[in-house]
Protein backbone atom coordinates (compact mmCIF):
# COMPACT_ATOMS: atom_id res chain seq x y z
CA MET A 1 67.39 114.85 62.83
CA THR A 2 64.72 116.43 65.00
CA SER A 3 66.59 118.05 67.90
CA LEU A 4 64.04 117.48 70.66
CA ILE A 5 60.57 116.09 71.26
CA ASP A 6 57.68 118.48 71.88
CA LEU A 7 57.35 117.13 75.41
CA ASN A 8 54.55 119.45 76.46
CA ARG A 9 52.31 118.99 73.44
CA GLY A 10 51.93 115.28 72.81
CA CYS A 11 51.89 111.82 74.31
CA ALA A 12 54.28 108.89 74.44
CA VAL A 13 53.59 105.43 73.04
CA ILE A 14 55.73 102.55 74.28
CA THR A 15 55.49 98.95 73.06
CA GLY A 16 56.70 96.12 75.25
CA ALA A 17 56.00 98.43 78.18
CA GLY A 18 54.88 95.76 80.59
CA SER A 19 58.38 95.13 81.91
CA GLY A 20 62.08 95.89 81.48
CA ILE A 21 63.26 98.70 79.26
CA GLY A 22 59.76 99.39 77.94
CA GLU A 23 58.33 99.82 81.42
CA ALA A 24 61.22 102.10 82.31
CA LEU A 25 60.74 104.22 79.18
CA ALA A 26 57.07 104.62 80.08
CA VAL A 27 57.87 105.60 83.67
CA VAL A 28 60.58 108.10 82.68
CA ALA A 29 58.34 109.62 79.97
CA ALA A 30 55.58 110.10 82.55
CA GLU A 31 57.51 111.04 85.66
CA GLU A 32 60.46 113.01 84.30
CA HIS A 33 58.93 114.47 81.14
CA ARG A 34 55.28 114.71 82.27
CA MET A 35 53.93 113.00 79.17
CA PRO A 36 50.68 111.05 79.00
CA VAL A 37 51.66 107.49 78.07
CA ALA A 38 50.07 104.67 76.11
CA VAL A 39 51.43 101.48 77.68
CA ILE A 40 51.28 98.70 75.09
CA ASP A 41 52.14 95.08 75.85
CA VAL A 42 51.05 91.64 74.71
CA SER A 43 50.21 90.94 78.37
CA ARG A 44 47.22 92.93 79.57
CA ASP A 45 48.15 92.32 83.21
CA ARG A 46 51.66 93.71 82.73
CA ALA A 47 50.41 96.69 80.74
CA GLU A 48 47.89 97.51 83.45
CA ALA A 49 50.54 97.15 86.17
CA THR A 50 52.80 99.68 84.43
CA ALA A 51 49.89 102.08 83.87
CA ALA A 52 48.92 101.74 87.54
CA ARG A 53 52.50 102.51 88.58
CA ILE A 54 52.42 105.69 86.50
CA GLY A 55 48.99 106.65 87.79
CA GLY A 56 50.07 106.04 91.37
CA ALA A 57 52.87 108.56 90.90
CA GLY A 58 50.46 111.19 89.60
CA GLY A 59 50.91 110.59 85.89
CA ARG A 60 48.41 109.71 83.18
CA ALA A 61 48.56 106.38 81.37
CA ILE A 62 46.32 104.01 79.48
CA ALA A 63 47.02 100.29 79.16
CA ILE A 64 46.47 98.53 75.84
CA ALA A 65 46.96 94.82 75.23
CA ALA A 66 48.18 94.19 71.69
CA ASP A 67 50.51 91.94 69.71
CA VAL A 68 52.83 94.26 67.78
CA SER A 69 53.25 91.67 65.02
CA ASP A 70 49.58 92.14 64.09
CA ALA A 71 49.66 95.11 61.71
CA ASP A 72 45.87 95.56 61.68
CA ALA A 73 45.74 95.50 65.49
CA MET A 74 48.41 98.18 65.66
CA MET A 75 46.38 100.41 63.35
CA ARG A 76 43.46 100.06 65.75
CA VAL A 77 45.77 100.87 68.66
CA ALA A 78 46.90 104.04 66.88
CA ASP A 79 43.28 105.10 66.43
CA GLN A 80 42.58 104.48 70.14
CA VAL A 81 45.62 106.47 71.24
CA ALA A 82 44.62 109.39 69.00
CA ARG A 83 41.14 109.40 70.52
CA GLU A 84 42.18 109.08 74.15
CA LEU A 85 45.55 110.86 74.37
CA GLY A 86 45.91 112.98 71.25
CA PRO A 87 48.97 113.40 69.02
CA VAL A 88 52.05 111.23 69.55
CA THR A 89 55.41 112.96 69.91
CA PHE A 90 57.42 110.03 71.30
CA LEU A 91 57.12 106.52 69.87
CA ALA A 92 59.23 103.70 71.30
CA ALA A 93 59.13 100.55 69.16
CA ASN A 94 60.60 98.50 71.95
CA ALA A 95 58.78 95.16 72.13
CA GLY A 96 61.05 92.18 71.66
CA ILE A 97 61.66 88.55 72.58
CA GLU A 98 64.79 86.44 72.99
CA HIS A 99 65.61 82.95 71.75
CA SER A 100 68.21 80.42 72.83
CA GLY A 101 69.45 77.61 70.62
CA LEU A 102 71.86 76.66 67.86
CA MET A 103 70.40 77.61 64.48
CA TRP A 104 69.76 74.09 63.24
CA THR A 105 67.86 73.22 66.43
CA ILE A 106 65.38 76.12 66.22
CA PRO A 107 61.77 75.10 65.58
CA PRO A 108 60.51 77.05 62.56
CA GLU A 109 57.65 78.49 64.59
CA HIS A 110 60.19 79.93 67.08
CA TRP A 111 62.20 81.55 64.29
CA ARG A 112 59.07 83.08 62.80
CA ARG A 113 57.83 84.35 66.16
CA VAL A 114 61.11 86.12 66.95
CA GLN A 115 61.19 87.83 63.55
CA ASP A 116 57.47 88.63 63.73
CA VAL A 117 57.79 90.43 67.07
CA ASN A 118 61.26 91.91 66.84
CA VAL A 119 61.28 93.02 63.20
CA HIS A 120 57.76 92.99 61.78
CA GLY A 121 56.50 94.42 65.07
CA VAL A 122 58.74 97.47 64.68
CA PHE A 123 57.55 97.91 61.10
CA ALA A 124 53.89 97.56 62.13
CA THR A 125 54.37 100.08 64.93
CA VAL A 126 56.06 102.59 62.62
CA ARG A 127 53.40 102.12 59.95
CA ALA A 128 50.60 102.66 62.45
CA PHE A 129 51.91 105.76 64.20
CA VAL A 130 54.40 107.68 62.06
CA PRO A 131 51.89 109.10 59.54
CA GLY A 132 49.99 110.76 62.39
CA MET A 133 53.21 112.05 63.89
CA ILE A 134 54.09 113.67 60.58
CA ASP A 135 50.61 115.12 60.12
CA SER A 136 50.58 116.67 63.61
CA GLY A 137 53.43 119.02 62.68
CA LEU A 138 54.83 118.65 66.21
CA ARG A 139 58.49 117.86 66.76
CA SER A 140 58.43 114.12 67.29
CA HIS A 141 60.79 111.20 67.67
CA VAL A 142 60.87 107.45 67.08
CA LEU A 143 63.08 105.22 69.22
CA CYS A 144 63.73 101.69 67.93
CA THR A 145 65.19 99.26 70.45
CA ALA A 146 67.86 97.08 68.85
CA SER A 147 70.72 95.60 70.91
CA ILE A 148 74.48 95.65 71.22
CA GLY A 149 74.05 92.28 69.52
CA ALA A 150 73.25 94.21 66.32
CA LEU A 151 76.96 95.08 66.16
CA GLY A 152 78.23 91.50 66.08
CA HIS A 153 77.35 87.85 66.55
CA ARG A 154 76.88 85.47 69.49
CA PRO A 155 76.51 81.68 69.71
CA SER A 156 73.08 80.15 70.28
CA MET A 157 71.36 83.52 69.74
CA SER A 158 70.99 83.55 65.95
CA ALA A 159 67.25 84.23 65.80
CA TYR A 160 67.59 87.19 68.17
CA ILE A 161 70.82 88.54 66.65
CA VAL A 162 69.44 88.40 63.11
CA SER A 163 66.36 90.30 64.26
CA LYS A 164 68.38 93.01 65.99
CA HIS A 165 70.65 93.53 62.98
CA ALA A 166 67.41 94.06 61.06
CA VAL A 167 66.06 96.55 63.63
CA LEU A 168 69.25 98.59 63.38
CA ALA A 169 68.94 98.70 59.59
CA LEU A 170 65.22 99.47 59.84
CA GLY A 171 65.81 102.41 62.17
CA GLU A 172 68.60 103.83 60.05
CA ASN A 173 66.53 103.54 56.87
CA LEU A 174 63.49 105.04 58.58
CA ALA A 175 65.61 108.05 59.53
CA ILE A 176 66.74 108.48 55.93
CA ASP A 177 63.18 108.20 54.63
CA LEU A 178 61.91 110.79 57.12
CA GLU A 179 64.77 113.18 56.31
CA SER A 180 64.28 112.79 52.56
CA ALA A 181 60.60 113.61 53.00
CA ASP A 182 61.50 116.71 55.06
CA THR A 183 59.38 115.73 58.06
CA ASN A 184 59.28 116.84 61.68
CA VAL A 185 60.11 113.33 62.95
CA GLY A 186 63.55 112.17 64.07
CA VAL A 187 64.80 108.66 64.74
CA SER A 188 67.23 107.08 67.16
CA VAL A 189 68.18 103.44 67.62
CA LEU A 190 68.85 102.23 71.15
CA LEU A 191 71.57 99.56 71.41
CA PRO A 192 71.47 98.35 75.01
CA GLY A 193 74.06 96.01 76.44
CA VAL A 194 73.45 93.86 79.50
CA VAL A 195 70.30 95.12 81.24
CA GLU A 196 68.41 93.66 84.18
CA THR A 197 65.20 92.55 82.44
CA ARG A 198 63.12 89.38 82.19
CA ILE A 199 63.89 88.85 78.48
CA ALA A 200 65.94 85.71 79.17
CA LYS A 201 63.34 84.36 81.58
CA ASP A 202 60.65 84.76 78.90
CA ALA A 203 62.83 83.54 76.02
CA LEU A 204 61.80 80.88 73.55
CA VAL A 205 64.18 77.92 73.80
CA SER A 206 65.15 75.18 71.36
CA PRO A 207 64.34 71.70 72.73
CA THR A 208 67.92 70.89 73.74
CA ALA A 209 69.79 70.84 77.05
CA GLU A 210 72.43 73.18 75.59
CA ALA A 211 69.83 75.80 74.72
CA GLU A 212 68.28 75.74 78.19
CA GLU A 213 71.72 75.97 79.83
CA ARG A 214 72.58 79.03 77.76
CA ARG A 215 69.22 80.64 78.52
CA ALA A 216 69.72 80.07 82.24
CA ALA A 217 73.26 81.46 82.07
CA LEU A 218 72.02 84.58 80.28
CA GLU A 219 69.28 85.05 82.86
CA GLU A 220 71.84 84.85 85.67
CA ARG A 221 74.09 87.33 83.89
CA LEU A 222 71.30 89.84 83.37
CA ASP A 223 70.25 89.55 87.01
CA SER A 224 73.77 89.88 88.43
CA GLN A 225 75.47 92.26 85.98
CA GLY A 226 72.67 94.09 84.21
CA ALA A 227 72.22 97.84 84.24
CA SER A 228 68.96 99.09 85.70
CA PRO A 229 66.19 99.63 83.13
CA ILE A 230 65.56 103.13 84.51
CA SER A 231 69.17 104.12 83.83
CA VAL A 232 68.80 102.82 80.28
CA ALA A 233 65.59 104.80 79.76
CA GLN A 234 67.21 107.96 81.08
CA ARG A 235 70.16 107.39 78.77
CA ALA A 236 67.75 107.01 75.85
CA PHE A 237 66.04 110.33 76.50
CA ALA A 238 69.40 112.05 77.04
CA GLY A 239 70.65 110.65 73.73
CA ILE A 240 67.55 111.85 71.90
CA SER A 241 67.93 115.33 73.38
CA ALA A 242 71.59 115.33 72.28
CA GLY A 243 70.63 114.39 68.71
CA GLU A 244 72.25 110.94 68.80
CA ARG A 245 71.23 108.64 65.96
CA LEU A 246 72.70 105.58 67.72
CA ILE A 247 72.36 105.48 71.50
CA HIS A 248 74.68 103.10 73.36
CA THR A 249 74.20 102.16 77.00
CA HIS A 250 77.53 100.33 77.38
CA GLN A 251 80.06 102.47 75.51
CA ASP A 252 83.16 100.33 76.14
CA ALA A 253 81.52 97.07 75.09
CA ALA A 254 79.98 98.75 72.05
CA ARG A 255 83.34 100.18 71.03
CA VAL A 256 84.96 96.74 71.18
CA ALA A 257 82.16 95.26 69.06
CA VAL A 258 82.33 98.05 66.49
CA GLU A 259 86.11 97.87 66.22
CA HIS A 260 86.04 94.09 65.79
CA ARG A 261 83.37 94.25 63.10
CA THR A 262 85.05 97.16 61.32
CA ASN A 263 88.37 95.32 61.23
CA GLU A 264 86.65 92.24 59.81
CA LEU A 265 85.09 94.30 57.03
CA ILE A 266 88.29 96.18 56.22
CA ASP A 267 90.29 92.96 56.10
CA SER A 268 87.73 91.40 53.77
CA VAL A 269 88.24 94.08 51.09
CA ARG A 270 92.03 94.40 51.25
CA PRO A 271 93.80 93.40 48.03
CA ARG A 272 95.02 89.80 48.13
CA PRO A 273 98.32 88.72 46.66
């Protein structure tokens, strides 16, 4: 794994940077690491607000409105970033959406949208930017935002949980591909726990009272118990600098999830009488 990003010689690209963890990653990249930042979000207003926040603090940022699930659009975004900011040394494939609802109540268009953004969006982002990162020769890093949910399962969150299991696998396989090709690009997967973001507020919801109740309960939990996005972003950069492949924001909760899943797997392969 690449040990550290070339902070002084490239720019940062953050998807889903209009709010939450993405906004915080953009702010920390600009303010603490002095990187020019491409702020990418499906909402132009949110992207411009984050870029203005960075600019107001003396940093340099450009705002780009784009849907990460559109692979062709992401190629155009990569070309724009190369023209306006130069080589990319930090890429955060962070954009994601939540869904609430029991699996059999999920409208097919909701299921497709969650997978399109959360999984295909990471792939499209990697495909658009990683070749240029390799070609630059600069020490670079990709951060894929998964979730502590990638370590287990939760009721009424199947669309989201399935997508985050996929992001974890995608990030791990990307790392193996980049290592096998002997590149200058490292990979980490961020597995945040409860974080104070608007992901529950913006979630897609199955058309049932149960789904809306669970979405509202999650929103209240994030607001009352969630870690600050800035602390999560700082943890992400610290983990990258330390060479961590998997970066956990809530160590105790992650350990419980890993131990539970590991025990399930071990029990499933024990010889039966």
